[in-house]
Amino acid sequence: MELFRSPLRTYDHEGAMRAYLNNLPMRTWLLLVGPALVIAYPIARIVLPAVIHAVVPEVVRTVLSTI
């Protein structure tokens, strides 16, 4: 073991974050994912149809609705 940590040492922040996220308990994951789902659901129900309506031409939508 070393006595003093070198200030010039490179530290892999991505690896540290991956290790941190891999070792989170299930309760913490639920606390993170729950609000994300609550926010994502209305966005998916409102924004996605509006984007599809803006991107897909009227003719294609008419054909798809008749099928």
C-alpha atoms as a PDB file:
ATOM      1  CA  MET A   1       0.000   0.000   0.000  1.00  0.00           C
ATOM      2  CA  GLU A   2       1.124   3.518  -0.618  1.00  0.00           C
ATOM      3  CA  LEU A   3       1.199   6.120   2.108  1.00  0.00           C
ATOM      4  CA  PHE A   4       0.292   9.177   0.047  1.00  0.00           C
ATOM      5  CA  ARG A   5      -1.882   9.351  -2.999  1.00  0.00           C
ATOM      6  CA  SER A   6      -0.168  11.014  -5.906  1.00  0.00           C
ATOM      7  CA  PRO A   7      -1.937  14.188  -7.157  1.00  0.00           C
ATOM      8  CA  LEU A   8      -0.767  13.388 -10.704  1.00  0.00           C
ATOM      9  CA  ARG A   9      -2.429   9.975 -10.773  1.00  0.00           C
ATOM     10  CA  THR A  10      -5.006   9.484 -13.491  1.00  0.00           C
ATOM     11  CA  TYR A  11      -8.379   8.360 -12.219  1.00  0.00           C
ATOM     12  CA  ASP A  12     -10.873   6.596 -14.425  1.00  0.00           C
ATOM     13  CA  HIS A  13     -14.139   8.365 -13.589  1.00  0.00           C
ATOM     14  CA  GLU A  14     -16.154   6.220 -15.985  1.00  0.00           C
ATOM     15  CA  GLY A  15     -14.956   3.019 -14.355  1.00  0.00           C
ATOM     16  CA  ALA A  16     -15.652   4.394 -10.903  1.00  0.00           C
ATOM     17  CA  MET A  17     -19.175   5.399 -11.891  1.00  0.00           C
ATOM     18  CA  ARG A  18     -19.859   1.986 -13.422  1.00  0.00           C
ATOM     19  CA  ALA A  19     -18.665   0.270 -10.254  1.00  0.00           C
ATOM     20  CA  TYR A  20     -20.826   2.593  -8.147  1.00  0.00           C
ATOM     21  CA  LEU A  21     -23.952   1.951 -10.235  1.00  0.00           C
ATOM     22  CA  ASN A  22     -23.352  -1.806 -10.319  1.00  0.00           C
ATOM     23  CA  ASN A  23     -23.239  -1.927  -6.523  1.00  0.00           C
ATOM     24  CA  LEU A  24     -26.384   0.100  -5.783  1.00  0.00           C
ATOM     25  CA  PRO A  25     -29.042  -1.682  -3.735  1.00  0.00           C
ATOM     26  CA  MET A  26     -32.408  -2.498  -5.280  1.00  0.00           C
ATOM     27  CA  ARG A  27     -34.221   0.133  -3.207  1.00  0.00           C
ATOM     28  CA  THR A  28     -32.000   2.874  -4.633  1.00  0.00           C
ATOM     29  CA  TRP A  29     -32.651   1.641  -8.179  1.00  0.00           C
ATOM     30  CA  LEU A  30     -36.389   1.783  -7.535  1.00  0.00           C
ATOM     31  CA  LEU A  31     -36.072   5.320  -6.172  1.00  0.00           C
ATOM     32  CA  LEU A  32     -34.226   6.344  -9.344  1.00  0.00           C
ATOM     33  CA  VAL A  33     -36.347   4.490 -11.894  1.00  0.00           C
ATOM     34  CA  GLY A  34     -39.775   5.285 -10.416  1.00  0.00           C
ATOM     35  CA  PRO A  35     -39.718   9.051 -10.986  1.00  0.00           C
ATOM     36  CA  ALA A  36     -38.110   8.540 -14.399  1.00  0.00           C
ATOM     37  CA  LEU A  37     -41.045   6.368 -15.454  1.00  0.00           C
ATOM     38  CA  VAL A  38     -43.564   8.841 -14.052  1.00  0.00           C
ATOM     39  CA  ILE A  39     -41.969  11.585 -16.159  1.00  0.00           C
ATOM     40  CA  ALA A  40     -41.445   9.451 -19.285  1.00  0.00           C
ATOM     41  CA  TYR A  41     -44.982   8.064 -19.534  1.00  0.00           C
ATOM     42  CA  PRO A  42     -46.818  11.376 -20.206  1.00  0.00           C
ATOM     43  CA  ILE A  43     -44.069  12.452 -22.573  1.00  0.00           C
ATOM     44  CA  ALA A  44     -44.480   9.222 -24.529  1.00  0.00           C
ATOM     45  CA  ARG A  45     -48.264   9.589 -24.593  1.00  0.00           C
ATOM     46  CA  ILE A  46     -48.240  13.257 -25.737  1.00  0.00           C
ATOM     47  CA  VAL A  47     -45.010  13.948 -27.589  1.00  0.00           C
ATOM     48  CA  LEU A  48     -44.593  10.745 -29.617  1.00  0.00           C
ATOM     49  CA  PRO A  49     -48.004  10.944 -31.340  1.00  0.00           C
ATOM     50  CA  ALA A  50     -47.368  14.605 -32.144  1.00  0.00           C
ATOM     51  CA  VAL A  51     -43.987  13.772 -33.671  1.00  0.00           C
ATOM     52  CA  ILE A  52     -45.448  10.892 -35.674  1.00  0.00           C
ATOM     53  CA  HIS A  53     -48.274  13.139 -36.872  1.00  0.00           C
ATOM     54  CA  ALA A  54     -45.742  15.757 -37.991  1.00  0.00           C
ATOM     55  CA  VAL A  55     -43.395  13.305 -39.722  1.00  0.00           C
ATOM     56  CA  VAL A  56     -45.743  10.801 -41.391  1.00  0.00           C
ATOM     57  CA  PRO A  57     -47.620  12.177 -44.422  1.00  0.00           C
ATOM     58  CA  GLU A  58     -51.424  12.362 -44.400  1.00  0.00           C
ATOM     59  CA  VAL A  59     -51.738   9.788 -47.195  1.00  0.00           C
ATOM     60  CA  VAL A  60     -49.772   7.199 -45.245  1.00  0.00           C
ATOM     61  CA  ARG A  61     -51.835   7.823 -42.104  1.00  0.00           C
ATOM     62  CA  THR A  62     -55.066   7.436 -44.088  1.00  0.00           C
ATOM     63  CA  VAL A  63     -53.939   4.142 -45.583  1.00  0.00           C
ATOM     64  CA  LEU A  64     -52.784   2.850 -42.209  1.00  0.00           C
ATOM     65  CA  SER A  65     -56.030   3.844 -40.505  1.00  0.00           C
ATOM     66  CA  THR A  66     -58.106   2.013 -43.117  1.00  0.00           C
ATOM     67  CA  ILE A  67     -56.094  -1.170 -42.604  1.00  0.00           C
END
